[in-house]
Amino acid sequence: MIVDIVSATLLLLGSTMALTAAIGLVRFPDTLSRMHAATKPQTLGLVLMLIGTMIRVGERADVGMLILAGLFALMTAPVVAHRIGRLVYQEQRARDGLMDRADMEVGDRD
């Protein structure tokens, strides 16, 4: 009984975080703000939902797969966010005339 309540609470919290991330993607005005909404609350929501699912399934072999899915999300989300942020920053500087296309290619190699 208590396990079901804890599991349901974590699943609801996780789905709420994922919903706020989706709303942020639609509502935020620029790419950097949208990138923040797509990575931070979405990843936390996924982890909360995975923990709630782990509690619910118990000691089965599925828990290992859920752990791997959570680790994959935690490892890839920051890398993707960094690459998108860097690209957006460089594109904005090029658009404002602070950097030309040749500088962007050289800066991308470091």
PDB file of N, CA and C in Angstrom:
ATOM      1  N   MET A   1       0.818  -1.198   0.000  1.00  0.00           N
ATOM      2  CA  MET A   1       0.000   0.000   0.000  1.00  0.00           C
ATOM      3  C   MET A   1       0.862   1.262   0.000  1.00  0.00           C
ATOM      4  N   ILE A   2       1.816   1.350   0.902  1.00  0.00           N
ATOM      5  CA  ILE A   2       2.696   2.523   0.961  1.00  0.00           C
ATOM      6  C   ILE A   2       3.580   2.583  -0.272  1.00  0.00           C
ATOM      7  N   VAL A   3       4.015   1.410  -0.751  1.00  0.00           N
ATOM      8  CA  VAL A   3       4.849   1.367  -1.953  1.00  0.00           C
ATOM      9  C   VAL A   3       4.079   1.923  -3.146  1.00  0.00           C
ATOM     10  N   ASP A   4       2.806   1.596  -3.248  1.00  0.00           N
ATOM     11  CA  ASP A   4       1.986   2.108  -4.352  1.00  0.00           C
ATOM     12  C   ASP A   4       1.813   3.617  -4.274  1.00  0.00           C
ATOM     13  N   ILE A   5       1.652   4.138  -3.077  1.00  0.00           N
ATOM     14  CA  ILE A   5       1.488   5.588  -2.905  1.00  0.00           C
ATOM     15  C   ILE A   5       2.771   6.329  -3.270  1.00  0.00           C
ATOM     16  N   VAL A   6       3.902   5.814  -2.813  1.00  0.00           N
ATOM     17  CA  VAL A   6       5.194   6.442  -3.132  1.00  0.00           C
ATOM     18  C   VAL A   6       5.458   6.379  -4.635  1.00  0.00           C
ATOM     19  N   SER A   7       5.190   5.216  -5.215  1.00  0.00           N
ATOM     20  CA  SER A   7       5.397   5.055  -6.653  1.00  0.00           C
ATOM     21  C   SER A   7       4.496   5.999  -7.449  1.00  0.00           C
ATOM     22  N   ALA A   8       3.234   6.079  -7.079  1.00  0.00           N
ATOM     23  CA  ALA A   8       2.305   6.963  -7.787  1.00  0.00           C
ATOM     24  C   ALA A   8       2.696   8.428  -7.629  1.00  0.00           C
ATOM     25  N   THR A   9       3.163   8.793  -6.438  1.00  0.00           N
ATOM     26  CA  THR A   9       3.597  10.176  -6.206  1.00  0.00           C
ATOM     27  C   THR A   9       4.790  10.531  -7.086  1.00  0.00           C
ATOM     28  N   LEU A  10       5.771   9.634  -7.154  1.00  0.00           N
ATOM     29  CA  LEU A  10       6.942   9.897  -7.995  1.00  0.00           C
ATOM     30  C   LEU A  10       6.561   9.952  -9.476  1.00  0.00           C
ATOM     31  N   LEU A  11       5.653   9.083  -9.900  1.00  0.00           N
ATOM     32  CA  LEU A  11       5.220   9.114 -11.298  1.00  0.00           C
ATOM     33  C   LEU A  11       4.479  10.406 -11.622  1.00  0.00           C
ATOM     34  N   LEU A  12       3.642  10.861 -10.717  1.00  0.00           N
ATOM     35  CA  LEU A  12       2.929  12.119 -10.949  1.00  0.00           C
ATOM     36  C   LEU A  12       3.876  13.322 -10.948  1.00  0.00           C
ATOM     37  N   LEU A  13       4.824  13.335 -10.011  1.00  0.00           N
ATOM     38  CA  LEU A  13       5.805  14.430  -9.991  1.00  0.00           C
ATOM     39  C   LEU A  13       6.643  14.440 -11.266  1.00  0.00           C
ATOM     40  N   GLY A  14       7.070  13.266 -11.697  1.00  0.00           N
ATOM     41  CA  GLY A  14       7.870  13.168 -12.919  1.00  0.00           C
ATOM     42  C   GLY A  14       7.103  13.598 -14.150  1.00  0.00           C
ATOM     43  N   SER A  15       5.855  13.181 -14.235  1.00  0.00           N
ATOM     44  CA  SER A  15       5.060  13.584 -15.402  1.00  0.00           C
ATOM     45  C   SER A  15       4.740  15.078 -15.368  1.00  0.00           C
ATOM     46  N   THR A  16       4.604  15.642 -14.172  1.00  0.00           N
ATOM     47  CA  THR A  16       4.399  17.085 -14.055  1.00  0.00           C
ATOM     48  C   THR A  16       5.636  17.849 -14.515  1.00  0.00           C
ATOM     49  N   MET A  17       6.804  17.353 -14.143  1.00  0.00           N
ATOM     50  CA  MET A  17       8.047  17.999 -14.595  1.00  0.00           C
ATOM     51  C   MET A  17       8.174  17.911 -16.117  1.00  0.00           C
ATOM     52  N   ALA A  18       7.835  16.765 -16.690  1.00  0.00           N
ATOM     53  CA  ALA A  18       7.894  16.625 -18.146  1.00  0.00           C
ATOM     54  C   ALA A  18       6.879  17.549 -18.824  1.00  0.00           C
ATOM     55  N   LEU A  19       5.722  17.715 -18.217  1.00  0.00           N
ATOM     56  CA  LEU A  19       4.721  18.636 -18.762  1.00  0.00           C
ATOM     57  C   LEU A  19       5.206  20.079 -18.721  1.00  0.00           C
ATOM     58  N   THR A  20       5.831  20.478 -17.615  1.00  0.00           N
ATOM     59  CA  THR A  20       6.361  21.847 -17.546  1.00  0.00           C
ATOM     60  C   THR A  20       7.475  22.061 -18.564  1.00  0.00           C
ATOM     61  N   ALA A  21       8.266  21.013 -18.831  1.00  0.00           N
ATOM     62  CA  ALA A  21       9.301  21.134 -19.862  1.00  0.00           C
ATOM     63  C   ALA A  21       8.664  21.337 -21.232  1.00  0.00           C
ATOM     64  N   ALA A  22       7.597  20.610 -21.514  1.00  0.00           N
ATOM     65  CA  ALA A  22       6.917  20.758 -22.804  1.00  0.00           C
ATOM     66  C   ALA A  22       6.293  22.143 -22.936  1.00  0.00           C
ATOM     67  N   ILE A  23       5.699  22.635 -21.865  1.00  0.00           N
ATOM     68  CA  ILE A  23       5.112  23.983 -21.893  1.00  0.00           C
ATOM     69  C   ILE A  23       6.213  25.029 -22.096  1.00  0.00           C
ATOM     70  N   GLY A  24       7.357  24.827 -21.441  1.00  0.00           N
ATOM     71  CA  GLY A  24       8.478  25.752 -21.613  1.00  0.00           C
ATOM     72  C   GLY A  24       9.005  25.776 -23.029  1.00  0.00           C
ATOM     73  N   LEU A  25       9.013  24.621 -23.692  1.00  0.00           N
ATOM     74  CA  LEU A  25       9.458  24.588 -25.081  1.00  0.00           C
ATOM     75  C   LEU A  25       8.553  25.413 -25.984  1.00  0.00           C
ATOM     76  N   VAL A  26       7.279  25.422 -25.686  1.00  0.00           N
ATOM     77  CA  VAL A  26       6.332  26.166 -26.509  1.00  0.00           C
ATOM     78  C   VAL A  26       6.337  27.651 -26.154  1.00  0.00           C
ATOM     79  N   ARG A  27       6.480  27.966 -24.877  1.00  0.00           N
ATOM     80  CA  ARG A  27       6.273  29.339 -24.416  1.00  0.00           C
ATOM     81  C   ARG A  27       7.530  30.214 -24.411  1.00  0.00           C
ATOM     82  N   PHE A  28       8.708  29.627 -24.193  1.00  0.00           N
ATOM     83  CA  PHE A  28       9.914  30.452 -24.080  1.00  0.00           C
ATOM     84  C   PHE A  28      10.274  31.074 -25.426  1.00  0.00           C
ATOM     85  N   PRO A  29      10.807  32.315 -25.409  1.00  0.00           N
ATOM     86  CA  PRO A  29      10.975  33.062 -26.659  1.00  0.00           C
ATOM     87  C   PRO A  29      12.208  32.700 -27.475  1.00  0.00           C
ATOM     88  N   ASP A  30      13.305  32.330 -26.840  1.00  0.00           N
ATOM     89  CA  ASP A  30      14.526  32.118 -27.603  1.00  0.00           C
ATOM     90  C   ASP A  30      15.061  30.701 -27.405  1.00  0.00           C
ATOM     91  N   THR A  31      16.059  30.374 -28.215  1.00  0.00           N
ATOM     92  CA  THR A  31      16.576  29.009 -28.234  1.00  0.00           C
ATOM     93  C   THR A  31      17.259  28.627 -26.938  1.00  0.00           C
ATOM     94  N   LEU A  32      18.022  29.525 -26.337  1.00  0.00           N
ATOM     95  CA  LEU A  32      18.716  29.185 -25.100  1.00  0.00           C
ATOM     96  C   LEU A  32      17.737  28.905 -23.965  1.00  0.00           C
ATOM     97  N   SER A  33      16.674  29.662 -23.879  1.00  0.00           N
ATOM     98  CA  SER A  33      15.656  29.394 -22.861  1.00  0.00           C
ATOM     99  C   SER A  33      14.958  28.071 -23.130  1.00  0.00           C
ATOM    100  N   ARG A  34      14.669  27.807 -24.368  1.00  0.00           N
ATOM    101  CA  ARG A  34      14.037  26.533 -24.714  1.00  0.00           C
ATOM    102  C   ARG A  34      14.956  25.362 -24.437  1.00  0.00           C
ATOM    103  N   MET A  35      16.245  25.555 -24.671  1.00  0.00           N
ATOM    104  CA  MET A  35      17.206  24.498 -24.395  1.00  0.00           C
ATOM    105  C   MET A  35      17.210  24.166 -22.908  1.00  0.00           C
ATOM    106  N   HIS A  36      17.133  25.186 -22.064  1.00  0.00           N
ATOM    107  CA  HIS A  36      17.085  24.963 -20.627  1.00  0.00           C
ATOM    108  C   HIS A  36      15.832  24.174 -20.251  1.00  0.00           C
ATOM    109  N   ALA A  37      14.705  24.541 -20.834  1.00  0.00           N
ATOM    110  CA  ALA A  37      13.454  23.839 -20.540  1.00  0.00           C
ATOM    111  C   ALA A  37      13.485  22.400 -21.046  1.00  0.00           C
ATOM    112  N   ALA A  38      14.187  22.172 -22.127  1.00  0.00           N
ATOM    113  CA  ALA A  38      14.223  20.832 -22.698  1.00  0.00           C
ATOM    114  C   ALA A  38      15.152  19.892 -21.944  1.00  0.00           C
ATOM    115  N   THR A  39      16.110  20.419 -21.206  1.00  0.00           N
ATOM    116  CA  THR A  39      17.085  19.538 -20.565  1.00  0.00           C
ATOM    117  C   THR A  39      16.856  19.381 -19.069  1.00  0.00           C
ATOM    118  N   LYS A  40      16.744  20.447 -18.339  1.00  0.00           N
ATOM    119  CA  LYS A  40      16.705  20.349 -16.875  1.00  0.00           C
ATOM    120  C   LYS A  40      15.442  19.678 -16.339  1.00  0.00           C
ATOM    121  N   PRO A  41      14.242  20.265 -16.530  1.00  0.00           N
ATOM    122  CA  PRO A  41      13.064  19.618 -15.944  1.00  0.00           C
ATOM    123  C   PRO A  41      12.697  18.300 -16.624  1.00  0.00           C
ATOM    124  N   GLN A  42      13.011  18.167 -17.894  1.00  0.00           N
ATOM    125  CA  GLN A  42      12.685  16.927 -18.589  1.00  0.00           C
ATOM    126  C   GLN A  42      13.517  15.781 -18.029  1.00  0.00           C
ATOM    127  N   THR A  43      14.801  16.012 -17.792  1.00  0.00           N
ATOM    128  CA  THR A  43      15.664  14.970 -17.249  1.00  0.00           C
ATOM    129  C   THR A  43      15.257  14.614 -15.822  1.00  0.00           C
ATOM    130  N   LEU A  44      14.973  15.610 -15.014  1.00  0.00           N
ATOM    131  CA  LEU A  44      14.519  15.337 -13.649  1.00  0.00           C
ATOM    132  C   LEU A  44      13.192  14.588 -13.663  1.00  0.00           C
ATOM    133  N   GLY A  45      12.278  14.974 -14.529  1.00  0.00           N
ATOM    134  CA  GLY A  45      11.005  14.270 -14.646  1.00  0.00           C
ATOM    135  C   GLY A  45      11.185  12.822 -15.058  1.00  0.00           C
ATOM    136  N   LEU A  46      12.086  12.583 -16.003  1.00  0.00           N
ATOM    137  CA  LEU A  46      12.351  11.213 -16.428  1.00  0.00           C
ATOM    138  C   LEU A  46      12.928  10.390 -15.289  1.00  0.00           C
ATOM    139  N   VAL A  47      13.872  10.950 -14.547  1.00  0.00           N
ATOM    140  CA  VAL A  47      14.477  10.225 -13.430  1.00  0.00           C
ATOM    141  C   VAL A  47      13.435   9.919 -12.355  1.00  0.00           C
ATOM    142  N   LEU A  48      12.569  10.872 -12.053  1.00  0.00           N
ATOM    143  CA  LEU A  48      11.509  10.624 -11.071  1.00  0.00           C
ATOM    144  C   LEU A  48      10.562   9.522 -11.538  1.00  0.00           C
ATOM    145  N   MET A  49      10.209   9.539 -12.809  1.00  0.00           N
ATOM    146  CA  MET A  49       9.325   8.495 -13.323  1.00  0.00           C
ATOM    147  C   MET A  49      10.010   7.133 -13.320  1.00  0.00           C
ATOM    148  N   LEU A  50      11.299   7.102 -13.630  1.00  0.00           N
ATOM    149  CA  LEU A  50      12.025   5.833 -13.604  1.00  0.00           C
ATOM    150  C   LEU A  50      12.134   5.285 -12.184  1.00  0.00           C
ATOM    151  N   ILE A  51      12.372   6.159 -11.212  1.00  0.00           N
ATOM    152  CA  ILE A  51      12.441   5.707  -9.817  1.00  0.00           C
ATOM    153  C   ILE A  51      11.076   5.184  -9.371  1.00  0.00           C
ATOM    154  N   GLY A  52      10.009   5.881  -9.719  1.00  0.00           N
ATOM    155  CA  GLY A  52       8.669   5.406  -9.385  1.00  0.00           C
ATOM    156  C   GLY A  52       8.370   4.057 -10.013  1.00  0.00           C
ATOM    157  N   THR A  53       8.826   3.862 -11.249  1.00  0.00           N
ATOM    158  CA  THR A  53       8.627   2.581 -11.917  1.00  0.00           C
ATOM    159  C   THR A  53       9.468   1.494 -11.269  1.00  0.00           C
ATOM    160  N   MET A  54      10.693   1.822 -10.879  1.00  0.00           N
ATOM    161  CA  MET A  54      11.560   0.839 -10.207  1.00  0.00           C
ATOM    162  C   MET A  54      10.938   0.373  -8.899  1.00  0.00           C
ATOM    163  N   ILE A  55      10.371   1.307  -8.157  1.00  0.00           N
ATOM    164  CA  ILE A  55       9.726   0.943  -6.896  1.00  0.00           C
ATOM    165  C   ILE A  55       8.544   0.016  -7.175  1.00  0.00           C
ATOM    166  N   ARG A  56       7.816   0.294  -8.229  1.00  0.00           N
ATOM    167  CA  ARG A  56       6.617  -0.491  -8.539  1.00  0.00           C
ATOM    168  C   ARG A  56       6.947  -1.891  -9.026  1.00  0.00           C
ATOM    169  N   VAL A  57       7.967  -2.048  -9.888  1.00  0.00           N
ATOM    170  CA  VAL A  57       8.263  -3.380 -10.436  1.00  0.00           C
ATOM    171  C   VAL A  57       9.019  -4.250  -9.449  1.00  0.00           C
ATOM    172  N   GLY A  58       9.659  -3.659  -8.473  1.00  0.00           N
ATOM    173  CA  GLY A  58      10.319  -4.446  -7.436  1.00  0.00           C
ATOM    174  C   GLY A  58      11.667  -4.985  -7.855  1.00  0.00           C
ATOM    175  N   GLU A  59      11.865  -6.273  -7.625  1.00  0.00           N
ATOM    176  CA  GLU A  59      13.177  -6.889  -7.804  1.00  0.00           C
ATOM    177  C   GLU A  59      13.348  -7.624  -9.132  1.00  0.00           C
ATOM    178  N   ARG A  60      12.551  -7.315 -10.099  1.00  0.00           N
ATOM    179  CA  ARG A  60      12.673  -7.997 -11.386  1.00  0.00           C
ATOM    180  C   ARG A  60      13.869  -7.488 -12.176  1.00  0.00           C
ATOM    181  N   ALA A  61      14.165  -8.177 -13.257  1.00  0.00           N
ATOM    182  CA  ALA A  61      15.314  -7.813 -14.097  1.00  0.00           C
ATOM    183  C   ALA A  61      15.090  -6.500 -14.828  1.00  0.00           C
ATOM    184  N   ASP A  62      13.853  -6.031 -14.879  1.00  0.00           N
ATOM    185  CA  ASP A  62      13.558  -4.775 -15.574  1.00  0.00           C
ATOM    186  C   ASP A  62      14.201  -3.571 -14.901  1.00  0.00           C
ATOM    187  N   VAL A  63      14.502  -3.680 -13.630  1.00  0.00           N
ATOM    188  CA  VAL A  63      15.103  -2.557 -12.901  1.00  0.00           C
ATOM    189  C   VAL A  63      16.459  -2.190 -13.508  1.00  0.00           C
ATOM    190  N   GLY A  64      17.209  -3.177 -13.931  1.00  0.00           N
ATOM    191  CA  GLY A  64      18.502  -2.912 -14.564  1.00  0.00           C
ATOM    192  C   GLY A  64      18.365  -2.093 -15.829  1.00  0.00           C
ATOM    193  N   MET A  65      17.368  -2.405 -16.619  1.00  0.00           N
ATOM    194  CA  MET A  65      17.128  -1.639 -17.841  1.00  0.00           C
ATOM    195  C   MET A  65      16.687  -0.223 -17.530  1.00  0.00           C
ATOM    196  N   LEU A  66      15.889  -0.050 -16.485  1.00  0.00           N
ATOM    197  CA  LEU A  66      15.464   1.293 -16.095  1.00  0.00           C
ATOM    198  C   LEU A  66      16.650   2.118 -15.608  1.00  0.00           C
ATOM    199  N   ILE A  67      17.562   1.495 -14.892  1.00  0.00           N
ATOM    200  CA  ILE A  67      18.768   2.194 -14.439  1.00  0.00           C
ATOM    201  C   ILE A  67      19.614   2.613 -15.637  1.00  0.00           C
ATOM    202  N   LEU A  68      19.759   1.715 -16.611  1.00  0.00           N
ATOM    203  CA  LEU A  68      20.530   2.059 -17.808  1.00  0.00           C
ATOM    204  C   LEU A  68      19.877   3.201 -18.591  1.00  0.00           C
ATOM    205  N   ALA A  69      18.559   3.194 -18.682  1.00  0.00           N
ATOM    206  CA  ALA A  69      17.859   4.284 -19.376  1.00  0.00           C
ATOM    207  C   ALA A  69      18.074   5.606 -18.662  1.00  0.00           C
ATOM    208  N   GLY A  70      18.024   5.605 -17.333  1.00  0.00           N
ATOM    209  CA  GLY A  70      18.269   6.826 -16.563  1.00  0.00           C
ATOM    210  C   GLY A  70      19.690   7.328 -16.718  1.00  0.00           C
ATOM    211  N   LEU A  71      20.658   6.419 -16.665  1.00  0.00           N
ATOM    212  CA  LEU A  71      22.060   6.824 -16.839  1.00  0.00           C
ATOM    213  C   LEU A  71      22.308   7.381 -18.233  1.00  0.00           C
ATOM    214  N   PHE A  72      21.708   6.765 -19.238  1.00  0.00           N
ATOM    215  CA  PHE A  72      21.860   7.269 -20.605  1.00  0.00           C
ATOM    216  C   PHE A  72      21.319   8.689 -20.725  1.00  0.00           C
ATOM    217  N   ALA A  73      20.152   8.932 -20.141  1.00  0.00           N
ATOM    218  CA  ALA A  73      19.567  10.279 -20.197  1.00  0.00           C
ATOM    219  C   ALA A  73      20.432  11.283 -19.446  1.00  0.00           C
ATOM    220  N   LEU A  74      20.962  10.890 -18.302  1.00  0.00           N
ATOM    221  CA  LEU A  74      21.794  11.809 -17.518  1.00  0.00           C
ATOM    222  C   LEU A  74      23.131  12.101 -18.191  1.00  0.00           C
ATOM    223  N   MET A  75      23.628  11.168 -19.000  1.00  0.00           N
ATOM    224  CA  MET A  75      24.899  11.397 -19.688  1.00  0.00           C
ATOM    225  C   MET A  75      24.733  12.186 -20.980  1.00  0.00           C
ATOM    226  N   THR A  76      23.634  11.984 -21.687  1.00  0.00           N
ATOM    227  CA  THR A  76      23.500  12.613 -22.999  1.00  0.00           C
ATOM    228  C   THR A  76      22.869  13.997 -22.954  1.00  0.00           C
ATOM    229  N   ALA A  77      21.981  14.265 -22.028  1.00  0.00           N
ATOM    230  CA  ALA A  77      21.289  15.566 -21.990  1.00  0.00           C
ATOM    231  C   ALA A  77      22.257  16.741 -21.819  1.00  0.00           C
ATOM    232  N   PRO A  78      23.236  16.683 -20.909  1.00  0.00           N
ATOM    233  CA  PRO A  78      24.156  17.825 -20.802  1.00  0.00           C
ATOM    234  C   PRO A  78      25.031  18.025 -22.042  1.00  0.00           C
ATOM    235  N   VAL A  79      25.419  16.938 -22.684  1.00  0.00           N
ATOM    236  CA  VAL A  79      26.258  17.055 -23.881  1.00  0.00           C
ATOM    237  C   VAL A  79      25.481  17.705 -25.020  1.00  0.00           C
ATOM    238  N   VAL A  80      24.260  17.252 -25.218  1.00  0.00           N
ATOM    239  CA  VAL A  80      23.425  17.831 -26.274  1.00  0.00           C
ATOM    240  C   VAL A  80      23.138  19.301 -25.982  1.00  0.00           C
ATOM    241  N   ALA A  81      22.824  19.624 -24.732  1.00  0.00           N
ATOM    242  CA  ALA A  81      22.543  21.011 -24.365  1.00  0.00           C
ATOM    243  C   ALA A  81      23.768  21.895 -24.587  1.00  0.00           C
ATOM    244  N   HIS A  82      24.943  21.391 -24.273  1.00  0.00           N
ATOM    245  CA  HIS A  82      26.166  22.172 -24.481  1.00  0.00           C
ATOM    246  C   HIS A  82      26.393  22.439 -25.963  1.00  0.00           C
ATOM    247  N   ARG A  83      26.220  21.423 -26.785  1.00  0.00           N
ATOM    248  CA  ARG A  83      26.451  21.600 -28.219  1.00  0.00           C
ATOM    249  C   ARG A  83      25.435  22.574 -28.831  1.00  0.00           C
ATOM    250  N   ILE A  84      24.177  22.460 -28.426  1.00  0.00           N
ATOM    251  CA  ILE A  84      23.160  23.378 -28.946  1.00  0.00           C
ATOM    252  C   ILE A  84      23.440  24.798 -28.480  1.00  0.00           C
ATOM    253  N   GLY A  85      23.785  24.958 -27.214  1.00  0.00           N
ATOM    254  CA  GLY A  85      24.090  26.284 -26.683  1.00  0.00           C
ATOM    255  C   GLY A  85      25.271  26.921 -27.378  1.00  0.00           C
ATOM    256  N   ARG A  86      26.284  26.146 -27.640  1.00  0.00           N
ATOM    257  CA  ARG A  86      27.463  26.675 -28.322  1.00  0.00           C
ATOM    258  C   ARG A  86      27.138  27.093 -29.759  1.00  0.00           C
ATOM    259  N   LEU A  87      26.363  26.276 -30.436  1.00  0.00           N
ATOM    260  CA  LEU A  87      25.979  26.607 -31.802  1.00  0.00           C
ATOM    261  C   LEU A  87      25.123  27.868 -31.853  1.00  0.00           C
ATOM    262  N   VAL A  88      24.176  27.980 -30.933  1.00  0.00           N
ATOM    263  CA  VAL A  88      23.307  29.162 -30.898  1.00  0.00           C
ATOM    264  C   VAL A  88      24.130  30.408 -30.585  1.00  0.00           C
ATOM    265  N   TYR A  89      25.060  30.307 -29.665  1.00  0.00           N
ATOM    266  CA  TYR A  89      25.907  31.444 -29.308  1.00  0.00           C
ATOM    267  C   TYR A  89      26.732  31.895 -30.515  1.00  0.00           C
ATOM    268  N   GLN A  90      27.323  30.938 -31.218  1.00  0.00           N
ATOM    269  CA  GLN A  90      28.127  31.293 -32.381  1.00  0.00           C
ATOM    270  C   GLN A  90      27.272  31.890 -33.497  1.00  0.00           C
ATOM    271  N   GLU A  91      26.105  31.329 -33.717  1.00  0.00           N
ATOM    272  CA  GLU A  91      25.220  31.868 -34.747  1.00  0.00           C
ATOM    273  C   GLU A  91      24.772  33.285 -34.410  1.00  0.00           C
ATOM    274  N   GLN A  92      24.489  33.551 -33.151  1.00  0.00           N
ATOM    275  CA  GLN A  92      24.080  34.901 -32.728  1.00  0.00           C
ATOM    276  C   GLN A  92      25.214  35.892 -32.921  1.00  0.00           C
ATOM    277  N   ARG A  93      26.430  35.485 -32.568  1.00  0.00           N
ATOM    278  CA  ARG A  93      27.576  36.383 -32.771  1.00  0.00           C
ATOM    279  C   ARG A  93      27.816  36.636 -34.247  1.00  0.00           C
ATOM    280  N   ALA A  94      27.626  35.617 -35.089  1.00  0.00           N
ATOM    281  CA  ALA A  94      27.801  35.802 -36.533  1.00  0.00           C
ATOM    282  C   ALA A  94      26.717  36.722 -37.080  1.00  0.00           C
ATOM    283  N   ARG A  95      25.496  36.576 -36.591  1.00  0.00           N
ATOM    284  CA  ARG A  95      24.390  37.414 -37.049  1.00  0.00           C
ATOM    285  C   ARG A  95      24.604  38.870 -36.653  1.00  0.00           C
ATOM    286  N   ASP A  96      25.187  39.106 -35.482  1.00  0.00           N
ATOM    287  CA  ASP A  96      25.433  40.463 -35.009  1.00  0.00           C
ATOM    288  C   ASP A  96      26.696  41.072 -35.607  1.00  0.00           C
ATOM    289  N   GLY A  97      27.438  40.321 -36.386  1.00  0.00           N
ATOM    290  CA  GLY A  97      28.647  40.829 -37.015  1.00  0.00           C
ATOM    291  C   GLY A  97      29.872  40.788 -36.126  1.00  0.00           C
ATOM    292  N   LEU A  98      29.805  40.092 -35.002  1.00  0.00           N
ATOM    293  CA  LEU A  98      30.947  40.000 -34.104  1.00  0.00           C
ATOM    294  C   LEU A  98      31.882  38.871 -34.477  1.00  0.00           C
ATOM    295  N   MET A  99      31.433  37.971 -35.326  1.00  0.00           N
ATOM    296  CA  MET A  99      32.246  36.824 -35.720  1.00  0.00           C
ATOM    297  C   MET A  99      31.853  36.468 -37.145  1.00  0.00           C
ATOM    298  N   ASP A 100      32.847  36.106 -37.971  1.00  0.00           N
ATOM    299  CA  ASP A 100      32.498  35.671 -39.310  1.00  0.00           C
ATOM    300  C   ASP A 100      32.518  34.143 -39.378  1.00  0.00           C
ATOM    301  N   ARG A 101      32.102  33.603 -40.473  1.00  0.00           N
ATOM    302  CA  ARG A 101      31.963  32.146 -40.612  1.00  0.00           C
ATOM    303  C   ARG A 101      33.298  31.424 -40.456  1.00  0.00           C
ATOM    304  N   ALA A 102      34.390  32.020 -40.888  1.00  0.00           N
ATOM    305  CA  ALA A 102      35.704  31.385 -40.755  1.00  0.00           C
ATOM    306  C   ALA A 102      36.092  31.244 -39.286  1.00  0.00           C
ATOM    307  N   ASP A 103      35.776  32.244 -38.459  1.00  0.00           N
ATOM    308  CA  ASP A 103      36.066  32.148 -37.026  1.00  0.00           C
ATOM    309  C   ASP A 103      35.246  31.055 -36.363  1.00  0.00           C
ATOM    310  N   MET A 104      34.039  30.821 -36.852  1.00  0.00           N
ATOM    311  CA  MET A 104      33.197  29.788 -36.270  1.00  0.00           C
ATOM    312  C   MET A 104      33.790  28.408 -36.535  1.00  0.00           C
ATOM    313  N   GLU A 105      34.364  28.204 -37.688  1.00  0.00           N
ATOM    314  CA  GLU A 105      34.949  26.911 -38.008  1.00  0.00           C
ATOM    315  C   GLU A 105      36.194  26.659 -37.173  1.00  0.00           C
ATOM    316  N   VAL A 106      37.015  27.665 -36.964  1.00  0.00           N
ATOM    317  CA  VAL A 106      38.225  27.511 -36.154  1.00  0.00           C
ATOM    318  C   VAL A 106      37.860  27.307 -34.701  1.00  0.00           C
ATOM    319  N   GLY A 107      36.865  28.055 -34.198  1.00  0.00           N
ATOM    320  CA  GLY A 107      36.460  27.942 -32.802  1.00  0.00           C
ATOM    321  C   GLY A 107      35.798  26.632 -32.481  1.00  0.00           C
ATOM    322  N   ASP A 108      35.303  25.924 -33.487  1.00  0.00           N
ATOM    323  CA  ASP A 108      34.595  24.667 -33.246  1.00  0.00           C
ATOM    324  C   ASP A 108      35.560  23.518 -33.001  1.00  0.00           C
ATOM    325  N   ARG A 109      36.844  23.687 -33.282  1.00  0.00           N
ATOM    326  CA  ARG A 109      37.800  22.611 -33.123  1.00  0.00           C
ATOM    327  C   ARG A 109      38.409  22.517 -31.750  1.00  0.00           C
ATOM    328  N   ASP A 110      38.181  23.484 -30.855  1.00  0.00           N
ATOM    329  CA  ASP A 110      38.845  23.407 -29.558  1.00  0.00           C
ATOM    330  C   ASP A 110      38.091  22.600 -28.559  1.00  0.00           C
TER     331      ASP A 110
END
